[in-house]
Protein backbone atom coordinates (compact mmCIF):
# COMPACT_ATOMS: atom_id res chain seq x y z
CA UNK A 1 -74.91 19.19 -0.38
CA UNK A 2 -78.15 20.66 -1.70
CA UNK A 3 -78.64 20.79 -5.46
CA UNK A 4 -81.26 23.54 -5.18
CA UNK A 5 -80.42 26.76 -7.00
CA UNK A 6 -82.79 29.74 -6.88
CA UNK A 7 -82.30 32.29 -9.73
CA UNK A 8 -81.03 35.64 -8.39
CA UNK A 9 -83.98 37.81 -9.39
CA UNK A 10 -86.68 35.20 -8.90
CA UNK A 11 -90.00 36.17 -7.34
CA UNK A 12 -93.32 34.38 -7.25
CA UNK A 13 -96.01 35.88 -9.48
CA UNK A 14 -98.67 34.62 -7.06
CA UNK A 15 -99.14 34.84 -3.30
CA UNK A 16 -99.23 31.63 -1.26
CA UNK A 17 -103.04 31.76 -1.17
CA UNK A 18 -103.28 32.44 -4.91
CA UNK A 19 -100.82 29.62 -5.58
CA UNK A 20 -103.03 27.10 -3.79
CA UNK A 21 -106.06 28.35 -5.68
CA UNK A 22 -104.20 28.21 -9.00
CA UNK A 23 -103.03 24.61 -8.39
CA UNK A 24 -106.65 23.55 -7.96
CA UNK A 25 -107.66 25.45 -11.10
CA UNK A 26 -104.93 23.84 -13.19
CA UNK A 27 -105.73 20.32 -12.05
CA UNK A 28 -109.46 20.72 -12.62
CA UNK A 29 -109.17 22.24 -16.09
CA UNK A 30 -106.35 20.02 -17.34
CA UNK A 31 -107.97 16.74 -16.30
CA UNK A 32 -111.19 17.60 -18.13
CA UNK A 33 -109.42 18.74 -21.29
CA UNK A 34 -107.09 15.72 -21.39
CA UNK A 35 -110.02 13.33 -20.94
CA UNK A 36 -111.82 14.91 -23.88
CA UNK A 37 -108.77 15.06 -26.14
CA UNK A 38 -107.75 11.41 -25.65
CA UNK A 39 -111.20 9.91 -24.84
CA UNK A 40 -110.30 8.89 -21.29
CA UNK A 41 -112.47 7.86 -18.35
CA UNK A 42 -111.34 8.52 -14.79
CA UNK A 43 -110.68 5.41 -12.66
CA UNK A 44 -109.54 4.89 -9.07
CA UNK A 45 -105.85 4.06 -8.74
CA UNK A 46 -103.96 2.04 -6.11
CA UNK A 47 -101.34 3.48 -3.77
CA UNK A 48 -100.04 0.05 -2.71
CA UNK A 49 -99.78 -3.21 -4.64
CA UNK A 50 -98.66 -6.81 -4.17
CA UNK A 51 -95.04 -7.07 -5.41
CA UNK A 52 -95.62 -10.65 -6.60
CA UNK A 53 -97.92 -9.43 -9.40
CA UNK A 54 -95.03 -7.72 -11.22
CA UNK A 55 -97.18 -4.62 -11.68
CA UNK A 56 -94.93 -2.07 -9.98
CA UNK A 57 -92.90 0.21 -12.25
CA UNK A 58 -89.15 -0.52 -12.04
CA UNK A 59 -88.25 2.93 -13.44
CA UNK A 60 -84.52 2.75 -14.25
CA UNK A 61 -84.11 -0.63 -12.56
CA UNK A 62 -82.14 0.62 -9.53
CA UNK A 63 -84.75 2.48 -7.47
CA UNK A 64 -85.98 0.70 -4.34
CA UNK A 65 -89.73 0.68 -3.74
CA UNK A 66 -91.07 1.52 -0.31
CA UNK A 67 -92.01 -1.88 1.13
CA UNK A 68 -93.76 -2.79 4.36
CA UNK A 69 -95.32 -5.83 5.94
CA UNK A 70 -99.09 -6.20 6.28
CA UNK A 71 -99.76 -8.45 9.31
CA UNK A 72 -103.41 -9.00 8.35
CA UNK A 73 -102.30 -10.44 4.99
CA UNK A 74 -99.11 -12.11 6.22
CA UNK A 75 -97.27 -10.68 3.24
CA UNK A 76 -95.44 -7.54 2.11
CA UNK A 77 -96.84 -4.68 0.05
CA UNK A 78 -95.17 -1.93 -2.00
CA UNK A 79 -95.99 1.73 -2.56
CA UNK A 80 -96.26 2.30 -6.30
CA UNK A 81 -93.52 4.02 -8.30
CA UNK A 82 -95.99 4.66 -11.10
CA UNK A 83 -98.94 2.87 -12.69
CA UNK A 84 -97.31 2.09 -16.04
CA UNK A 85 -98.15 -1.63 -15.93
CA UNK A 86 -101.17 -1.54 -13.62
CA UNK A 87 -103.09 0.61 -16.12
CA UNK A 88 -102.80 -1.92 -18.90
CA UNK A 89 -104.11 -4.69 -16.69
CA UNK A 90 -106.95 -2.40 -15.57
CA UNK A 91 -108.02 -1.75 -19.17
CA UNK A 92 -108.24 -5.52 -19.64
CA UNK A 93 -110.15 -6.12 -16.40
CA UNK A 94 -112.56 -3.19 -16.78
CA UNK A 95 -113.51 -4.21 -20.34
CA UNK A 96 -112.39 -1.01 -22.14
CA UNK A 97 -112.57 -1.05 -25.94
CA UNK A 98 -110.36 0.23 -28.78
CA UNK A 99 -110.12 4.02 -28.87
CA UNK A 100 -111.05 4.45 -25.21
CA UNK A 101 -108.77 4.79 -22.21
CA UNK A 102 -108.44 5.52 -18.52
CA UNK A 103 -107.08 8.40 -16.47
CA UNK A 104 -105.86 7.89 -12.91
CA UNK A 105 -104.74 10.38 -10.27
CA UNK A 106 -101.51 8.76 -9.09
CA UNK A 107 -99.60 9.45 -5.88
CA UNK A 108 -96.29 7.68 -5.35
CA UNK A 109 -93.17 7.65 -3.20
CA UNK A 110 -89.73 7.37 -4.83
CA UNK A 111 -87.38 7.07 -1.89
CA UNK A 112 -84.16 7.11 -3.96
CA UNK A 113 -84.97 10.27 -5.94
CA UNK A 114 -82.23 12.90 -5.86
CA UNK A 115 -83.68 16.14 -4.53
CA UNK A 116 -83.32 19.41 -6.43
CA UNK A 117 -85.53 22.17 -7.88
CA UNK A 118 -87.66 19.75 -9.88
CA UNK A 119 -87.35 16.41 -8.05
CA UNK A 120 -89.07 15.26 -4.86
CA UNK A 121 -89.57 11.89 -3.20
CA UNK A 122 -93.32 12.55 -3.55
CA UNK A 123 -94.60 12.08 -7.09
CA UNK A 124 -98.07 13.10 -8.27
CA UNK A 125 -99.04 12.61 -11.88
CA UNK A 126 -101.90 11.94 -14.22
CA UNK A 127 -101.40 8.37 -15.37
CA UNK A 128 -103.29 7.59 -18.56
CA UNK A 129 -103.57 4.57 -20.84
CA UNK A 130 -105.58 3.97 -24.01
CA UNK A 131 -106.34 0.88 -26.11
CA UNK A 132 -105.14 1.10 -29.72
CA UNK A 133 -105.25 -1.05 -32.86
CA UNK A 134 -102.26 -3.01 -34.12
CA UNK A 135 -101.94 -0.63 -37.07
CA UNK A 136 -101.64 2.30 -34.63
CA UNK A 137 -98.31 1.04 -33.34
CA UNK A 138 -96.23 3.57 -35.31
CA UNK A 139 -94.45 6.90 -34.89
CA UNK A 140 -97.18 8.90 -36.66
CA UNK A 141 -99.76 7.81 -34.08
CA UNK A 142 -97.33 8.59 -31.25
CA UNK A 143 -96.58 12.07 -32.61
CA UNK A 144 -100.26 12.90 -33.09
CA UNK A 145 -100.95 11.92 -29.47
CA UNK A 146 -98.07 14.12 -28.28
CA UNK A 147 -99.48 17.08 -30.24
CA UNK A 148 -102.88 16.56 -28.62
CA UNK A 149 -101.32 16.60 -25.15
CA UNK A 150 -99.32 19.76 -25.90
CA UNK A 151 -102.48 21.51 -27.12
CA UNK A 152 -104.25 20.51 -23.90
CA UNK A 153 -101.38 21.96 -21.85
CA UNK A 154 -101.36 25.23 -23.79
CA UNK A 155 -105.17 25.56 -23.74
CA UNK A 156 -105.14 24.97 -19.98
CA UNK A 157 -102.51 27.69 -19.54
CA UNK A 158 -104.64 30.14 -21.53
CA UNK A 159 -107.59 29.57 -19.17
CA UNK A 160 -105.45 29.76 -16.05
CA UNK A 161 -103.96 33.08 -17.18
CA UNK A 162 -107.51 34.39 -17.64
CA UNK A 163 -108.16 33.65 -13.94
CA UNK A 164 -104.75 34.90 -12.73
CA UNK A 165 -103.78 37.95 -14.74
CA UNK A 166 -100.37 38.38 -13.07
CA UNK A 167 -99.05 35.20 -14.72
CA UNK A 168 -96.64 35.81 -17.62
CA UNK A 169 -95.83 32.22 -18.64
CA UNK A 170 -95.63 31.55 -22.38
CA UNK A 171 -95.46 28.07 -23.94
CA UNK A 172 -94.86 27.00 -27.54
CA UNK A 173 -97.53 24.81 -29.18
CA UNK A 174 -95.26 23.62 -32.00
CA UNK A 175 -93.50 20.39 -31.03
CA UNK A 176 -90.07 19.53 -32.44
CA UNK A 177 -89.47 15.77 -32.61
CA UNK A 178 -86.01 14.21 -32.47
CA UNK A 179 -84.66 10.75 -31.64
CA UNK A 180 -82.15 10.26 -28.84
CA UNK A 181 -79.54 9.14 -31.41
CA UNK A 182 -80.12 12.24 -33.54
CA UNK A 183 -79.77 14.40 -30.44
CA UNK A 184 -76.51 12.67 -29.50
CA UNK A 185 -75.16 13.20 -33.01
CA UNK A 186 -76.10 16.88 -32.82
CA UNK A 187 -74.20 17.40 -29.54
CA UNK A 188 -71.69 14.52 -29.37
CA UNK A 189 -69.54 16.03 -26.61
CA UNK A 190 -72.43 16.80 -24.24
CA UNK A 191 -74.24 14.78 -21.59
CA UNK A 192 -77.86 13.72 -22.25
CA UNK A 193 -79.13 16.44 -19.89
CA UNK A 194 -77.02 19.12 -21.57
CA UNK A 195 -78.33 17.99 -24.97
CA UNK A 196 -81.90 18.34 -23.75
CA UNK A 197 -81.23 21.86 -22.46
CA UNK A 198 -79.53 23.03 -25.65
CA UNK A 199 -82.22 21.63 -27.94
CA UNK A 200 -85.10 22.85 -25.78
CA UNK A 201 -83.66 26.35 -25.50
CA UNK A 202 -83.71 26.59 -29.29
CA UNK A 203 -87.02 24.84 -30.02
CA UNK A 204 -88.96 25.50 -26.74
CA UNK A 205 -91.23 22.40 -26.89
CA UNK A 206 -89.53 19.11 -27.75
CA UNK A 207 -90.22 15.38 -27.76
CA UNK A 208 -87.17 13.11 -27.56
CA UNK A 209 -87.98 9.68 -29.00
CA UNK A 210 -86.58 6.17 -28.66
CA UNK A 211 -85.37 6.14 -25.07
CA UNK A 212 -84.16 3.04 -23.25
CA UNK A 213 -82.21 1.17 -25.90
CA UNK A 214 -78.54 1.61 -26.72
CA UNK A 215 -78.01 4.50 -29.16
CA UNK A 216 -75.81 4.46 -32.24
CA UNK A 217 -72.94 5.92 -30.17
CA UNK A 218 -73.09 2.95 -27.78
CA UNK A 219 -74.66 4.90 -24.91
CA UNK A 220 -78.17 5.15 -23.47
CA UNK A 221 -79.90 8.52 -23.36
CA UNK A 222 -81.72 7.43 -20.22
CA UNK A 223 -82.83 4.25 -18.48
CA UNK A 224 -86.28 2.82 -19.13
CA UNK A 225 -87.88 -0.37 -17.81
CA UNK A 226 -88.11 -3.12 -20.48
CA UNK A 227 -91.70 -4.16 -19.80
CA UNK A 228 -93.96 -1.19 -20.52
CA UNK A 229 -92.72 1.19 -23.28
CA UNK A 230 -91.61 -0.13 -26.64
CA UNK A 231 -88.18 1.52 -26.78
CA UNK A 232 -88.61 2.22 -30.51
CA UNK A 233 -91.98 3.97 -29.97
CA UNK A 234 -91.63 6.09 -26.84
CA UNK A 235 -90.27 9.42 -25.70
CA UNK A 236 -90.12 12.33 -23.23
CA UNK A 237 -91.99 15.63 -23.59
CA UNK A 238 -90.02 18.67 -22.41
CA UNK A 239 -90.71 22.41 -22.32
CA UNK A 240 -88.16 25.19 -22.00
CA UNK A 241 -88.50 26.66 -18.50
CA UNK A 242 -87.66 30.37 -18.61
CA UNK A 243 -87.52 30.68 -14.83
CA UNK A 244 -84.94 27.94 -14.28
CA UNK A 245 -83.22 28.32 -17.65
CA UNK A 246 -83.34 24.65 -18.60
CA UNK A 247 -85.59 21.98 -20.11
CA UNK A 248 -88.35 20.67 -17.85
CA UNK A 249 -89.65 17.15 -18.48
CA UNK A 250 -93.43 17.09 -18.16
CA UNK A 251 -94.25 13.64 -19.48
CA UNK A 252 -92.73 10.26 -20.25
CA UNK A 253 -94.94 8.23 -22.56
CA UNK A 254 -95.06 5.75 -25.39
CA UNK A 255 -96.71 2.95 -27.27
CA UNK A 256 -96.45 -0.09 -25.05
CA UNK A 257 -94.67 -3.36 -25.71
CA UNK A 258 -96.34 -6.16 -27.64
CA UNK A 259 -95.27 -9.80 -27.37
CA UNK A 260 -92.35 -9.36 -29.76
CA UNK A 261 -90.86 -6.17 -28.30
CA UNK A 262 -91.32 -7.41 -24.72
CA UNK A 263 -89.45 -10.61 -25.55
CA UNK A 264 -86.60 -8.63 -27.14
CA UNK A 265 -86.36 -6.04 -24.36
CA UNK A 266 -86.41 -8.57 -21.53
CA UNK A 267 -83.44 -10.25 -23.21
CA UNK A 268 -81.58 -6.96 -23.70
CA UNK A 269 -82.18 -5.87 -20.11
CA UNK A 270 -81.29 -9.25 -18.62
CA UNK A 271 -84.69 -9.47 -16.95
CA UNK A 272 -85.86 -12.84 -18.19
CA UNK A 273 -86.93 -13.90 -14.68
CA UNK A 274 -89.93 -11.58 -15.10
CA UNK A 275 -91.42 -13.88 -17.74
CA UNK A 276 -92.89 -15.96 -14.89
CA UNK A 277 -94.83 -13.05 -13.35
CA UNK A 278 -98.60 -12.93 -14.04
CA UNK A 279 -98.53 -9.62 -15.92
CA UNK A 280 -95.63 -10.63 -18.15
CA UNK A 281 -97.06 -14.08 -18.89
CA UNK A 282 -100.32 -12.51 -20.07
CA UNK A 283 -98.40 -10.07 -22.27
CA UNK A 284 -96.22 -12.74 -23.84
CA UNK A 285 -99.32 -14.84 -24.53
CA UNK A 286 -101.05 -11.88 -26.25
CA UNK A 287 -103.88 -11.69 -23.71
CA UNK A 288 -103.59 -7.98 -22.86
CA UNK A 289 -104.77 -5.18 -25.17
CA UNK A 290 -102.33 -3.11 -27.24
CA UNK A 291 -102.03 0.30 -25.64
CA UNK A 292 -100.41 3.71 -25.56
CA UNK A 293 -99.94 5.59 -22.32
CA UNK A 294 -97.85 7.77 -20.09
CA UNK A 295 -97.58 9.91 -17.01
CA UNK A 296 -97.93 13.69 -16.85
CA UNK A 297 -96.41 15.31 -13.79
CA UNK A 298 -98.95 17.35 -11.86
CA UNK A 299 -96.49 19.31 -9.73
CA UNK A 300 -94.14 19.77 -12.69
CA UNK A 301 -96.97 21.16 -14.80
CA UNK A 302 -98.04 23.52 -12.01
CA UNK A 303 -94.42 24.66 -11.63
CA UNK A 304 -94.17 25.41 -15.33
CA UNK A 305 -97.48 27.25 -15.68
CA UNK A 306 -97.15 29.27 -12.47
CA UNK A 307 -93.52 30.22 -13.09
CA UNK A 308 -92.21 28.61 -9.90
CA UNK A 309 -88.53 28.01 -9.16
CA UNK A 310 -88.92 25.00 -6.85
CA UNK A 311 -91.30 22.04 -6.89
CA UNK A 312 -91.80 22.50 -3.15
CA UNK A 313 -93.77 25.67 -3.97
CA UNK A 314 -96.55 23.57 -5.49
CA UNK A 315 -96.47 20.36 -3.42
CA UNK A 316 -95.97 19.40 0.20
CA UNK A 317 -92.99 17.08 0.75
CA UNK A 318 -89.86 16.72 2.91
CA UNK A 319 -86.56 18.52 2.31
CA UNK A 320 -83.10 18.66 3.81
CA UNK A 321 -82.18 21.56 6.08
CA UNK A 322 -79.82 23.18 3.55
CA UNK A 323 -82.51 23.26 0.85
CA UNK A 324 -84.97 24.85 3.27
CA UNK A 325 -82.39 27.49 4.23
CA UNK A 326 -81.59 28.28 0.58
CA UNK A 327 -85.28 28.74 -0.17
CA UNK A 328 -85.95 30.76 2.95
CA UNK A 329 -83.09 33.18 2.26
CA UNK A 330 -84.39 33.65 -1.31
CA UNK A 331 -87.94 34.31 -0.15
CA UNK A 332 -89.24 31.03 -1.59
CA UNK A 333 -92.09 29.59 0.46
CA UNK A 334 -92.16 25.79 0.51
CA UNK A 335 -95.54 24.19 1.19
């Protein structure tokens, strides 16, 4: 059964042609502004990697990567889930220095993703990573970085609306920060998703911190792999989406694990077998730089700025027949 729901009075503010033009405008403007705000340099990113390196993102630990054999190599390869760990290794290999970072245009396949208005098996995002000092590993540094990203998003929207005057999207620049435990205490009888919606509806732009570890109520707000974000120094950036009437996650990001937090989180997650992988061994031996990084959804951001009801309006993917019928009957054109 399709989980797609199109709001009753929804209509696209842009034609199909204008939509394609606007997507290009958003991506061009945003990438430049983000690079300037965070001091990032664009690098080329992989689509496939060797699974034996341990560099693929495990997401929530249950998603299966797309794997295939490569006869010329006599081994298997995997399509990336994201570049969370690859980026940190790249900063080390490419000889980046403190205060500088990289920006990669990532395309991934997540075969086990549940399809709805905002989820697709095709994932496109700006993956960024930046080298920081040891003294930067704190919540103040994380919050300042989040504010910079929100300003880039809002400044990009202002320029896009100048080019496309029919757009009526409004976003809030003021970010409200809250931990997952504080959010659970605020709405104890609600699910994590319901908590996000309620808090975002009131505050418009929110950053939920400390995701991955067990909260004070004994639950987890959401799953998070143990080997990239430090669960005490990470979070999700969400905006209130007026079209869909719920919170829309635009970015998952955080200060990355150091030797101590990686050791602790591998134990908590029961993933100690990863200690033998090349990436994890280098981390535990303190050979990789300390970093902060995250992913910013390209299609999600285009959805939000252009006031779209379905992610298929801003990206080309595959959908079940029922979803296509729902969209067709509502006048929603999927790419």
